[in-house]
Amino acid sequence: MVSIKDNTITITRGDTLETNLIVKTMSGADYVPTEGDVIRFALKGSYDDDRPIINKVIPNDSLILRLEASETKQLEARRKPYVYDVELRTPEDTVVDTFLTGEMYVTQEVY
């Protein structure tokens, strides 16, 4: 089971997450990534952690975030949420924009 509400993701450990990302410009128009742009998803146990548990580049041509079942299987089911962000970097880092932040809850699987 996967649900997303107000940037809070709830997922059953070992399930696959696939969701489209929508990137907007300051004027509210859809942002279309250009060659050299990098969109990255990072997940940590807490903001204080030194390194992400999951760090993925999201394909510019699809803007689909996909976490494989094998990736969520490694996460611990717990009451405290993980934290994540999604960031856009243009070539030479002329623009760095963390356009999405949120929490992710992982629930225990029964099977």
PDB file of N, CA and C in Angstrom:
ATOM      1  N   MET A   1       0.830  -1.175   0.000  1.00  0.00           N
ATOM      2  CA  MET A   1       0.000   0.000   0.000  1.00  0.00           C
ATOM      3  C   MET A   1       0.879   1.246   0.000  1.00  0.00           C
ATOM      4  N   VAL A   2       0.528   2.178  -0.839  1.00  0.00           N
ATOM      5  CA  VAL A   2       1.200   3.466  -0.890  1.00  0.00           C
ATOM      6  C   VAL A   2       0.131   4.550  -0.907  1.00  0.00           C
ATOM      7  N   SER A   3       0.306   5.560  -0.061  1.00  0.00           N
ATOM      8  CA  SER A   3      -0.571   6.727  -0.133  1.00  0.00           C
ATOM      9  C   SER A   3       0.290   7.975   0.010  1.00  0.00           C
ATOM     10  N   ILE A   4      -0.136   9.029  -0.677  1.00  0.00           N
ATOM     11  CA  ILE A   4       0.562  10.311  -0.612  1.00  0.00           C
ATOM     12  C   ILE A   4      -0.488  11.378  -0.367  1.00  0.00           C
ATOM     13  N   LYS A   5      -0.297  12.121   0.723  1.00  0.00           N
ATOM     14  CA  LYS A   5      -1.213  13.200   1.054  1.00  0.00           C
ATOM     15  C   LYS A   5      -0.414  14.348   1.658  1.00  0.00           C
ATOM     16  N   ASP A   6      -0.542  15.524   1.065  1.00  0.00           N
ATOM     17  CA  ASP A   6       0.151  16.717   1.567  1.00  0.00           C
ATOM     18  C   ASP A   6       1.644  16.471   1.783  1.00  0.00           C
ATOM     19  N   ASN A   7       2.294  15.851   0.808  1.00  0.00           N
ATOM     20  CA  ASN A   7       3.731  15.560   0.828  1.00  0.00           C
ATOM     21  C   ASN A   7       4.128  14.534   1.883  1.00  0.00           C
ATOM     22  N   THR A   8       3.149  13.859   2.481  1.00  0.00           N
ATOM     23  CA  THR A   8       3.444  12.766   3.406  1.00  0.00           C
ATOM     24  C   THR A   8       3.174  11.454   2.685  1.00  0.00           C
ATOM     25  N   ILE A   9       4.215  10.640   2.600  1.00  0.00           N
ATOM     26  CA  ILE A   9       4.123   9.337   1.949  1.00  0.00           C
ATOM     27  C   ILE A   9       3.989   8.278   3.029  1.00  0.00           C
ATOM     28  N   THR A  10       3.054   7.365   2.843  1.00  0.00           N
ATOM     29  CA  THR A  10       2.950   6.183   3.700  1.00  0.00           C
ATOM     30  C   THR A  10       3.085   4.974   2.782  1.00  0.00           C
ATOM     31  N   ILE A  11       4.003   4.093   3.117  1.00  0.00           N
ATOM     32  CA  ILE A  11       4.261   2.936   2.277  1.00  0.00           C
ATOM     33  C   ILE A  11       4.494   1.706   3.133  1.00  0.00           C
ATOM     34  N   THR A  12       4.014   0.580   2.671  1.00  0.00           N
ATOM     35  CA  THR A  12       4.292  -0.684   3.339  1.00  0.00           C
ATOM     36  C   THR A  12       5.701  -1.118   2.954  1.00  0.00           C
ATOM     37  N   ARG A  13       6.464  -1.507   3.937  1.00  0.00           N
ATOM     38  CA  ARG A  13       7.840  -1.949   3.722  1.00  0.00           C
ATOM     39  C   ARG A  13       7.852  -3.053   2.669  1.00  0.00           C
ATOM     40  N   GLY A  14       8.714  -2.920   1.668  1.00  0.00           N
ATOM     41  CA  GLY A  14       8.821  -3.912   0.607  1.00  0.00           C
ATOM     42  C   GLY A  14       7.926  -3.644  -0.586  1.00  0.00           C
ATOM     43  N   ASP A  15       7.135  -2.574  -0.546  1.00  0.00           N
ATOM     44  CA  ASP A  15       6.290  -2.222  -1.694  1.00  0.00           C
ATOM     45  C   ASP A  15       7.042  -1.262  -2.618  1.00  0.00           C
ATOM     46  N   THR A  16       6.540  -1.136  -3.830  1.00  0.00           N
ATOM     47  CA  THR A  16       7.111  -0.237  -4.826  1.00  0.00           C
ATOM     48  C   THR A  16       6.352   1.087  -4.803  1.00  0.00           C
ATOM     49  N   LEU A  17       7.088   2.167  -4.875  1.00  0.00           N
ATOM     50  CA  LEU A  17       6.495   3.503  -4.975  1.00  0.00           C
ATOM     51  C   LEU A  17       6.800   4.045  -6.357  1.00  0.00           C
ATOM     52  N   GLU A  18       5.770   4.489  -7.044  1.00  0.00           N
ATOM     53  CA  GLU A  18       5.950   5.158  -8.325  1.00  0.00           C
ATOM     54  C   GLU A  18       4.987   6.323  -8.384  1.00  0.00           C
ATOM     55  N   THR A  19       5.536   7.518  -8.566  1.00  0.00           N
ATOM     56  CA  THR A  19       4.694   8.710  -8.609  1.00  0.00           C
ATOM     57  C   THR A  19       5.291   9.744  -9.550  1.00  0.00           C
ATOM     58  N   ASN A  20       4.423  10.458 -10.229  1.00  0.00           N
ATOM     59  CA  ASN A  20       4.851  11.556 -11.103  1.00  0.00           C
ATOM     60  C   ASN A  20       5.152  12.778 -10.265  1.00  0.00           C
ATOM     61  N   LEU A  21       6.223  13.458 -10.615  1.00  0.00           N
ATOM     62  CA  LEU A  21       6.550  14.726  -9.966  1.00  0.00           C
ATOM     63  C   LEU A  21       6.126  15.876 -10.865  1.00  0.00           C
ATOM     64  N   ILE A  22       5.606  16.909 -10.267  1.00  0.00           N
ATOM     65  CA  ILE A  22       5.234  18.113 -10.997  1.00  0.00           C
ATOM     66  C   ILE A  22       6.137  19.231 -10.505  1.00  0.00           C
ATOM     67  N   VAL A  23       6.883  19.806 -11.433  1.00  0.00           N
ATOM     68  CA  VAL A  23       7.798  20.892 -11.106  1.00  0.00           C
ATOM     69  C   VAL A  23       7.220  22.155 -11.724  1.00  0.00           C
ATOM     70  N   LYS A  24       7.061  23.198 -10.917  1.00  0.00           N
ATOM     71  CA  LYS A  24       6.487  24.463 -11.378  1.00  0.00           C
ATOM     72  C   LYS A  24       7.533  25.580 -11.314  1.00  0.00           C
ATOM     73  N   THR A  25       7.390  26.546 -12.215  1.00  0.00           N
ATOM     74  CA  THR A  25       8.222  27.740 -12.160  1.00  0.00           C
ATOM     75  C   THR A  25       7.611  28.705 -11.155  1.00  0.00           C
ATOM     76  N   MET A  26       8.300  29.781 -10.884  1.00  0.00           N
ATOM     77  CA  MET A  26       7.781  30.784  -9.944  1.00  0.00           C
ATOM     78  C   MET A  26       6.447  31.364 -10.414  1.00  0.00           C
ATOM     79  N   SER A  27       6.235  31.395 -11.725  1.00  0.00           N
ATOM     80  CA  SER A  27       4.985  31.937 -12.262  1.00  0.00           C
ATOM     81  C   SER A  27       3.847  30.913 -12.244  1.00  0.00           C
ATOM     82  N   GLY A  28       4.174  29.665 -11.875  1.00  0.00           N
ATOM     83  CA  GLY A  28       3.153  28.629 -11.804  1.00  0.00           C
ATOM     84  C   GLY A  28       3.060  27.747 -13.032  1.00  0.00           C
ATOM     85  N   ALA A  29       3.869  28.042 -14.047  1.00  0.00           N
ATOM     86  CA  ALA A  29       3.882  27.215 -15.253  1.00  0.00           C
ATOM     87  C   ALA A  29       4.657  25.919 -14.984  1.00  0.00           C
ATOM     88  N   ASP A  30       4.332  24.876 -15.745  1.00  0.00           N
ATOM     89  CA  ASP A  30       5.085  23.626 -15.630  1.00  0.00           C
ATOM     90  C   ASP A  30       6.534  23.869 -16.051  1.00  0.00           C
ATOM     91  N   TYR A  31       7.464  23.341 -15.265  1.00  0.00           N
ATOM     92  CA  TYR A  31       8.882  23.440 -15.604  1.00  0.00           C
ATOM     93  C   TYR A  31       9.252  22.221 -16.429  1.00  0.00           C
ATOM     94  N   VAL A  32       9.882  22.446 -17.552  1.00  0.00           N
ATOM     95  CA  VAL A  32      10.340  21.354 -18.399  1.00  0.00           C
ATOM     96  C   VAL A  32      11.856  21.280 -18.260  1.00  0.00           C
ATOM     97  N   PRO A  33      12.371  20.186 -17.693  1.00  0.00           N
ATOM     98  CA  PRO A  33      13.819  20.073 -17.513  1.00  0.00           C
ATOM     99  C   PRO A  33      14.545  20.135 -18.863  1.00  0.00           C
ATOM    100  N   THR A  34      15.708  20.742 -18.837  1.00  0.00           N
ATOM    101  CA  THR A  34      16.549  20.823 -20.022  1.00  0.00           C
ATOM    102  C   THR A  34      17.782  19.971 -19.819  1.00  0.00           C
ATOM    103  N   GLU A  35      18.525  19.763 -20.880  1.00  0.00           N
ATOM    104  CA  GLU A  35      19.730  18.948 -20.798  1.00  0.00           C
ATOM    105  C   GLU A  35      20.674  19.531 -19.754  1.00  0.00           C
ATOM    106  N   GLY A  36      21.170  18.685 -18.903  1.00  0.00           N
ATOM    107  CA  GLY A  36      22.073  19.122 -17.843  1.00  0.00           C
ATOM    108  C   GLY A  36      21.399  19.332 -16.506  1.00  0.00           C
ATOM    109  N   ASP A  37      20.073  19.496 -16.496  1.00  0.00           N
ATOM    110  CA  ASP A  37      19.353  19.592 -15.218  1.00  0.00           C
ATOM    111  C   ASP A  37      19.405  18.243 -14.509  1.00  0.00           C
ATOM    112  N   VAL A  38      19.514  18.278 -13.201  1.00  0.00           N
ATOM    113  CA  VAL A  38      19.500  17.057 -12.401  1.00  0.00           C
ATOM    114  C   VAL A  38      18.430  17.217 -11.323  1.00  0.00           C
ATOM    115  N   ILE A  39      17.506  16.275 -11.286  1.00  0.00           N
ATOM    116  CA  ILE A  39      16.481  16.248 -10.242  1.00  0.00           C
ATOM    117  C   ILE A  39      16.776  15.034  -9.379  1.00  0.00           C
ATOM    118  N   ARG A  40      16.889  15.268  -8.073  1.00  0.00           N
ATOM    119  CA  ARG A  40      17.343  14.239  -7.152  1.00  0.00           C
ATOM    120  C   ARG A  40      16.375  14.100  -5.984  1.00  0.00           C
ATOM    121  N   PHE A  41      16.128  12.851  -5.590  1.00  0.00           N
ATOM    122  CA  PHE A  41      15.342  12.513  -4.396  1.00  0.00           C
ATOM    123  C   PHE A  41      16.305  11.976  -3.355  1.00  0.00           C
ATOM    124  N   ALA A  42      16.192  12.454  -2.120  1.00  0.00           N
ATOM    125  CA  ALA A  42      17.030  11.955  -1.026  1.00  0.00           C
ATOM    126  C   ALA A  42      16.146  11.670   0.184  1.00  0.00           C
ATOM    127  N   LEU A  43      16.392  10.521   0.815  1.00  0.00           N
ATOM    128  CA  LEU A  43      15.644  10.093   2.000  1.00  0.00           C
ATOM    129  C   LEU A  43      16.625   9.842   3.129  1.00  0.00           C
ATOM    130  N   LYS A  44      16.315  10.413   4.299  1.00  0.00           N
ATOM    131  CA  LYS A  44      17.142  10.216   5.493  1.00  0.00           C
ATOM    132  C   LYS A  44      16.274   9.747   6.650  1.00  0.00           C
ATOM    133  N   GLY A  45      16.914   9.157   7.636  1.00  0.00           N
ATOM    134  CA  GLY A  45      16.221   8.777   8.862  1.00  0.00           C
ATOM    135  C   GLY A  45      15.816   9.996   9.670  1.00  0.00           C
ATOM    136  N   SER A  46      16.639  11.052   9.626  1.00  0.00           N
ATOM    137  CA  SER A  46      16.336  12.334  10.264  1.00  0.00           C
ATOM    138  C   SER A  46      17.197  13.398   9.586  1.00  0.00           C
ATOM    139  N   TYR A  47      16.845  14.653   9.783  1.00  0.00           N
ATOM    140  CA  TYR A  47      17.616  15.741   9.185  1.00  0.00           C
ATOM    141  C   TYR A  47      19.052  15.760   9.689  1.00  0.00           C
ATOM    142  N   ASP A  48      19.300  15.223  10.875  1.00  0.00           N
ATOM    143  CA  ASP A  48      20.638  15.232  11.459  1.00  0.00           C
ATOM    144  C   ASP A  48      21.563  14.176  10.872  1.00  0.00           C
ATOM    145  N   ASP A  49      21.032  13.206  10.127  1.00  0.00           N
ATOM    146  CA  ASP A  49      21.866  12.156   9.542  1.00  0.00           C
ATOM    147  C   ASP A  49      22.839  12.761   8.532  1.00  0.00           C
ATOM    148  N   ASP A  50      24.052  12.195   8.489  1.00  0.00           N
ATOM    149  CA  ASP A  50      25.069  12.706   7.569  1.00  0.00           C
ATOM    150  C   ASP A  50      24.775  12.365   6.115  1.00  0.00           C
ATOM    151  N   ARG A  51      24.256  11.165   5.877  1.00  0.00           N
ATOM    152  CA  ARG A  51      24.074  10.693   4.510  1.00  0.00           C
ATOM    153  C   ARG A  51      22.669  10.150   4.290  1.00  0.00           C
ATOM    154  N   PRO A  52      22.180  10.305   3.057  1.00  0.00           N
ATOM    155  CA  PRO A  52      20.875   9.731   2.741  1.00  0.00           C
ATOM    156  C   PRO A  52      20.913   8.201   2.740  1.00  0.00           C
ATOM    157  N   ILE A  53      19.792   7.604   3.107  1.00  0.00           N
ATOM    158  CA  ILE A  53      19.611   6.156   3.004  1.00  0.00           C
ATOM    159  C   ILE A  53      19.344   5.803   1.552  1.00  0.00           C
ATOM    160  N   ILE A  54      18.544   6.630   0.900  1.00  0.00           N
ATOM    161  CA  ILE A  54      18.253   6.472  -0.529  1.00  0.00           C
ATOM    162  C   ILE A  54      18.530   7.812  -1.187  1.00  0.00           C
ATOM    163  N   ASN A  55      19.254   7.766  -2.297  1.00  0.00           N
ATOM    164  CA  ASN A  55      19.581   8.964  -3.058  1.00  0.00           C
ATOM    165  C   ASN A  55      19.433   8.597  -4.527  1.00  0.00           C
ATOM    166  N   LYS A  56      18.426   9.154  -5.193  1.00  0.00           N
ATOM    167  CA  LYS A  56      18.122   8.761  -6.570  1.00  0.00           C
ATOM    168  C   LYS A  56      18.032   9.967  -7.476  1.00  0.00           C
ATOM    169  N   VAL A  57      18.532   9.795  -8.693  1.00  0.00           N
ATOM    170  CA  VAL A  57      18.320  10.791  -9.734  1.00  0.00           C
ATOM    171  C   VAL A  57      17.044  10.405 -10.465  1.00  0.00           C
ATOM    172  N   ILE A  58      16.184  11.382 -10.662  1.00  0.00           N
ATOM    173  CA  ILE A  58      14.896  11.167 -11.318  1.00  0.00           C
ATOM    174  C   ILE A  58      15.054  11.510 -12.791  1.00  0.00           C
ATOM    175  N   PRO A  59      14.632  10.615 -13.684  1.00  0.00           N
ATOM    176  CA  PRO A  59      14.809  10.876 -15.124  1.00  0.00           C
ATOM    177  C   PRO A  59      14.073  12.141 -15.572  1.00  0.00           C
ATOM    178  N   ASN A  60      14.792  13.013 -16.282  1.00  0.00           N
ATOM    179  CA  ASN A  60      14.202  14.254 -16.767  1.00  0.00           C
ATOM    180  C   ASN A  60      13.092  14.019 -17.782  1.00  0.00           C
ATOM    181  N   ASP A  61      13.184  12.926 -18.531  1.00  0.00           N
ATOM    182  CA  ASP A  61      12.204  12.707 -19.585  1.00  0.00           C
ATOM    183  C   ASP A  61      10.856  12.224 -19.066  1.00  0.00           C
ATOM    184  N   SER A  62      10.834  11.666 -17.858  1.00  0.00           N
ATOM    185  CA  SER A  62       9.566  11.151 -17.321  1.00  0.00           C
ATOM    186  C   SER A  62       9.113  11.866 -16.052  1.00  0.00           C
ATOM    187  N   LEU A  63      10.061  12.394 -15.280  1.00  0.00           N
ATOM    188  CA  LEU A  63       9.781  12.989 -13.965  1.00  0.00           C
ATOM    189  C   LEU A  63       9.008  12.022 -13.074  1.00  0.00           C
ATOM    190  N   ILE A  64       9.376  10.743 -13.154  1.00  0.00           N
ATOM    191  CA  ILE A  64       8.753   9.725 -12.317  1.00  0.00           C
ATOM    192  C   ILE A  64       9.735   9.298 -11.238  1.00  0.00           C
ATOM    193  N   LEU A  65       9.311   9.460  -9.991  1.00  0.00           N
ATOM    194  CA  LEU A  65      10.073   8.939  -8.855  1.00  0.00           C
ATOM    195  C   LEU A  65       9.653   7.499  -8.658  1.00  0.00           C
ATOM    196  N   ARG A  66      10.613   6.602  -8.695  1.00  0.00           N
ATOM    197  CA  ARG A  66      10.317   5.185  -8.499  1.00  0.00           C
ATOM    198  C   ARG A  66      11.273   4.625  -7.456  1.00  0.00           C
ATOM    199  N   LEU A  67      10.702   4.127  -6.368  1.00  0.00           N
ATOM    200  CA  LEU A  67      11.472   3.395  -5.366  1.00  0.00           C
ATOM    201  C   LEU A  67      11.113   1.938  -5.537  1.00  0.00           C
ATOM    202  N   GLU A  68      12.098   1.128  -5.778  1.00  0.00           N
ATOM    203  CA  GLU A  68      11.881  -0.303  -5.997  1.00  0.00           C
ATOM    204  C   GLU A  68      11.542  -0.993  -4.675  1.00  0.00           C
ATOM    205  N   ALA A  69      10.863  -2.131  -4.787  1.00  0.00           N
ATOM    206  CA  ALA A  69      10.516  -2.917  -3.600  1.00  0.00           C
ATOM    207  C   ALA A  69      11.763  -3.276  -2.798  1.00  0.00           C
ATOM    208  N   SER A  70      12.865  -3.556  -3.486  1.00  0.00           N
ATOM    209  CA  SER A  70      14.110  -3.906  -2.787  1.00  0.00           C
ATOM    210  C   SER A  70      14.657  -2.730  -1.987  1.00  0.00           C
ATOM    211  N   GLU A  71      14.380  -1.516  -2.423  1.00  0.00           N
ATOM    212  CA  GLU A  71      14.846  -0.330  -1.696  1.00  0.00           C
ATOM    213  C   GLU A  71      13.994  -0.079  -0.459  1.00  0.00           C
ATOM    214  N   THR A  72      12.683  -0.214  -0.571  1.00  0.00           N
ATOM    215  CA  THR A  72      11.834   0.023   0.603  1.00  0.00           C
ATOM    216  C   THR A  72      11.914  -1.148   1.581  1.00  0.00           C
ATOM    217  N   LYS A  73      12.289  -2.322   1.089  1.00  0.00           N
ATOM    218  CA  LYS A  73      12.446  -3.495   1.967  1.00  0.00           C
ATOM    219  C   LYS A  73      13.573  -3.263   2.983  1.00  0.00           C
ATOM    220  N   GLN A  74      14.582  -2.478   2.598  1.00  0.00           N
ATOM    221  CA  GLN A  74      15.711  -2.214   3.503  1.00  0.00           C
ATOM    222  C   GLN A  74      15.368  -1.203   4.604  1.00  0.00           C
ATOM    223  N   LEU A  75      14.243  -0.514   4.465  1.00  0.00           N
ATOM    224  CA  LEU A  75      13.856   0.491   5.457  1.00  0.00           C
ATOM    225  C   LEU A  75      13.205  -0.171   6.669  1.00  0.00           C
ATOM    226  N   GLU A  76      13.395   0.444   7.806  1.00  0.00           N
ATOM    227  CA  GLU A  76      12.820  -0.053   9.052  1.00  0.00           C
ATOM    228  C   GLU A  76      11.405   0.489   9.220  1.00  0.00           C
ATOM    229  N   ALA A  77      10.467  -0.401   9.508  1.00  0.00           N
ATOM    230  CA  ALA A  77       9.115   0.052   9.849  1.00  0.00           C
ATOM    231  C   ALA A  77       9.189   0.659  11.248  1.00  0.00           C
ATOM    232  N   ARG A  78       8.729   1.891  11.385  1.00  0.00           N
ATOM    233  CA  ARG A  78       8.842   2.590  12.670  1.00  0.00           C
ATOM    234  C   ARG A  78       7.779   3.669  12.764  1.00  0.00           C
ATOM    235  N   ARG A  79       7.545   4.129  13.977  1.00  0.00           N
ATOM    236  CA  ARG A  79       6.547   5.182  14.189  1.00  0.00           C
ATOM    237  C   ARG A  79       7.070   6.550  13.764  1.00  0.00           C
ATOM    238  N   LYS A  80       8.353   6.779  13.929  1.00  0.00           N
ATOM    239  CA  LYS A  80       8.967   8.053  13.558  1.00  0.00           C
ATOM    240  C   LYS A  80       9.137   8.088  12.034  1.00  0.00           C
ATOM    241  N   PRO A  81       8.785   9.209  11.401  1.00  0.00           N
ATOM    242  CA  PRO A  81       8.894   9.254   9.942  1.00  0.00           C
ATOM    243  C   PRO A  81      10.333   9.467   9.469  1.00  0.00           C
ATOM    244  N   TYR A  82      10.602   8.993   8.271  1.00  0.00           N
ATOM    245  CA  TYR A  82      11.799   9.378   7.545  1.00  0.00           C
ATOM    246  C   TYR A  82      11.519  10.767   6.964  1.00  0.00           C
ATOM    247  N   VAL A  83      12.548  11.471   6.539  1.00  0.00           N
ATOM    248  CA  VAL A  83      12.374  12.768   5.899  1.00  0.00           C
ATOM    249  C   VAL A  83      12.975  12.697   4.496  1.00  0.00           C
ATOM    250  N   TYR A  84      12.387  13.453   3.583  1.00  0.00           N
ATOM    251  CA  TYR A  84      12.900  13.450   2.217  1.00  0.00           C
ATOM    252  C   TYR A  84      12.823  14.851   1.622  1.00  0.00           C
ATOM    253  N   ASP A  85      13.589  15.020   0.555  1.00  0.00           N
ATOM    254  CA  ASP A  85      13.431  16.218  -0.263  1.00  0.00           C
ATOM    255  C   ASP A  85      13.715  15.873  -1.715  1.00  0.00           C
ATOM    256  N   VAL A  86      13.234  16.744  -2.589  1.00  0.00           N
ATOM    257  CA  VAL A  86      13.484  16.621  -4.018  1.00  0.00           C
ATOM    258  C   VAL A  86      14.050  17.961  -4.467  1.00  0.00           C
ATOM    259  N   GLU A  87      15.168  17.885  -5.173  1.00  0.00           N
ATOM    260  CA  GLU A  87      15.929  19.079  -5.515  1.00  0.00           C
ATOM    261  C   GLU A  87      16.204  19.128  -7.014  1.00  0.00           C
ATOM    262  N   LEU A  88      16.160  20.315  -7.571  1.00  0.00           N
ATOM    263  CA  LEU A  88      16.534  20.562  -8.960  1.00  0.00           C
ATOM    264  C   LEU A  88      17.839  21.334  -8.974  1.00  0.00           C
ATOM    265  N   ARG A  89      18.787  20.852  -9.767  1.00  0.00           N
ATOM    266  CA  ARG A  89      20.054  21.568  -9.981  1.00  0.00           C
ATOM    267  C   ARG A  89      20.228  21.765 -11.483  1.00  0.00           C
ATOM    268  N   THR A  90      20.462  23.006 -11.875  1.00  0.00           N
ATOM    269  CA  THR A  90      20.747  23.289 -13.272  1.00  0.00           C
ATOM    270  C   THR A  90      22.257  23.178 -13.489  1.00  0.00           C
ATOM    271  N   PRO A  91      22.681  23.128 -14.766  1.00  0.00           N
ATOM    272  CA  PRO A  91      24.120  23.017 -15.032  1.00  0.00           C
ATOM    273  C   PRO A  91      24.918  24.105 -14.308  1.00  0.00           C
ATOM    274  N   GLU A  92      26.096  23.730 -13.847  1.00  0.00           N
ATOM    275  CA  GLU A  92      26.996  24.607 -13.090  1.00  0.00           C
ATOM    276  C   GLU A  92      26.346  25.155 -11.825  1.00  0.00           C
ATOM    277  N   ASP A  93      25.262  24.489 -11.373  1.00  0.00           N
ATOM    278  CA  ASP A  93      24.575  24.898 -10.144  1.00  0.00           C
ATOM    279  C   ASP A  93      24.143  26.373 -10.172  1.00  0.00           C
ATOM    280  N   THR A  94      23.770  26.877 -11.352  1.00  0.00           N
ATOM    281  CA  THR A  94      23.300  28.259 -11.430  1.00  0.00           C
ATOM    282  C   THR A  94      21.987  28.421 -10.672  1.00  0.00           C
ATOM    283  N   VAL A  95      21.183  27.352 -10.628  1.00  0.00           N
ATOM    284  CA  VAL A  95      19.970  27.339  -9.816  1.00  0.00           C
ATOM    285  C   VAL A  95      19.960  26.030  -9.040  1.00  0.00           C
ATOM    286  N   VAL A  96      19.792  26.131  -7.741  1.00  0.00           N
ATOM    287  CA  VAL A  96      19.575  24.964  -6.886  1.00  0.00           C
ATOM    288  C   VAL A  96      18.283  25.235  -6.143  1.00  0.00           C
ATOM    289  N   ASP A  97      17.289  24.373  -6.347  1.00  0.00           N
ATOM    290  CA  ASP A  97      15.975  24.607  -5.762  1.00  0.00           C
ATOM    291  C   ASP A  97      15.440  23.315  -5.152  1.00  0.00           C
ATOM    292  N   THR A  98      15.305  23.292  -3.842  1.00  0.00           N
ATOM    293  CA  THR A  98      14.641  22.183  -3.165  1.00  0.00           C
ATOM    294  C   THR A  98      13.159  22.495  -3.206  1.00  0.00           C
ATOM    295  N   PHE A  99      12.464  21.862  -4.160  1.00  0.00           N
ATOM    296  CA  PHE A  99      11.076  22.239  -4.409  1.00  0.00           C
ATOM    297  C   PHE A  99      10.053  21.353  -3.719  1.00  0.00           C
ATOM    298  N   LEU A 100      10.521  20.309  -3.056  1.00  0.00           N
ATOM    299  CA  LEU A 100       9.582  19.426  -2.368  1.00  0.00           C
ATOM    300  C   LEU A 100      10.268  18.829  -1.145  1.00  0.00           C
ATOM    301  N   THR A 101       9.625  18.923   0.007  1.00  0.00           N
ATOM    302  CA  THR A 101      10.106  18.272   1.223  1.00  0.00           C
ATOM    303  C   THR A 101       8.922  17.579   1.874  1.00  0.00           C
ATOM    304  N   GLY A 102       9.210  16.556   2.643  1.00  0.00           N
ATOM    305  CA  GLY A 102       8.117  15.868   3.311  1.00  0.00           C
ATOM    306  C   GLY A 102       8.612  14.762   4.216  1.00  0.00           C
ATOM    307  N   GLU A 103       7.659  13.991   4.688  1.00  0.00           N
ATOM    308  CA  GLU A 103       7.940  12.857   5.569  1.00  0.00           C
ATOM    309  C   GLU A 103       7.456  11.576   4.901  1.00  0.00           C
ATOM    310  N   MET A 104       8.105  10.483   5.249  1.00  0.00           N
ATOM    311  CA  MET A 104       7.695   9.185   4.739  1.00  0.00           C
ATOM    312  C   MET A 104       7.602   8.196   5.900  1.00  0.00           C
ATOM    313  N   TYR A 105       6.419   7.627   6.049  1.00  0.00           N
ATOM    314  CA  TYR A 105       6.179   6.609   7.062  1.00  0.00           C
ATOM    315  C   TYR A 105       6.250   5.242   6.396  1.00  0.00           C
ATOM    316  N   VAL A 106       6.956   4.329   7.031  1.00  0.00           N
ATOM    317  CA  VAL A 106       7.066   2.960   6.536  1.00  0.00           C
ATOM    318  C   VAL A 106       6.353   2.057   7.542  1.00  0.00           C
ATOM    319  N   THR A 107       5.371   1.313   7.041  1.00  0.00           N
ATOM    320  CA  THR A 107       4.636   0.390   7.905  1.00  0.00           C
ATOM    321  C   THR A 107       5.138  -1.028   7.682  1.00  0.00           C
ATOM    322  N   GLN A 108       4.903  -1.860   8.659  1.00  0.00           N
ATOM    323  CA  GLN A 108       5.371  -3.247   8.601  1.00  0.00           C
ATOM    324  C   GLN A 108       4.516  -4.041   7.620  1.00  0.00           C
ATOM    325  N   GLU A 109       5.147  -4.937   6.904  1.00  0.00           N
ATOM    326  CA  GLU A 109       4.415  -5.845   6.037  1.00  0.00           C
ATOM    327  C   GLU A 109       4.012  -7.074   6.834  1.00  0.00           C
ATOM    328  N   VAL A 110       2.901  -7.655   6.473  1.00  0.00           N
ATOM    329  CA  VAL A 110       2.436  -8.854   7.169  1.00  0.00           C
ATOM    330  C   VAL A 110       3.035 -10.098   6.541  1.00  0.00           C
ATOM    331  N   TYR A 111       3.121 -10.104   5.232  1.00  0.00           N
ATOM    332  CA  TYR A 111       3.583 -11.301   4.511  1.00  0.00           C
ATOM    333  C   TYR A 111       5.067 -11.446   4.590  1.00  0.00           C
TER     334      TYR A 111
END
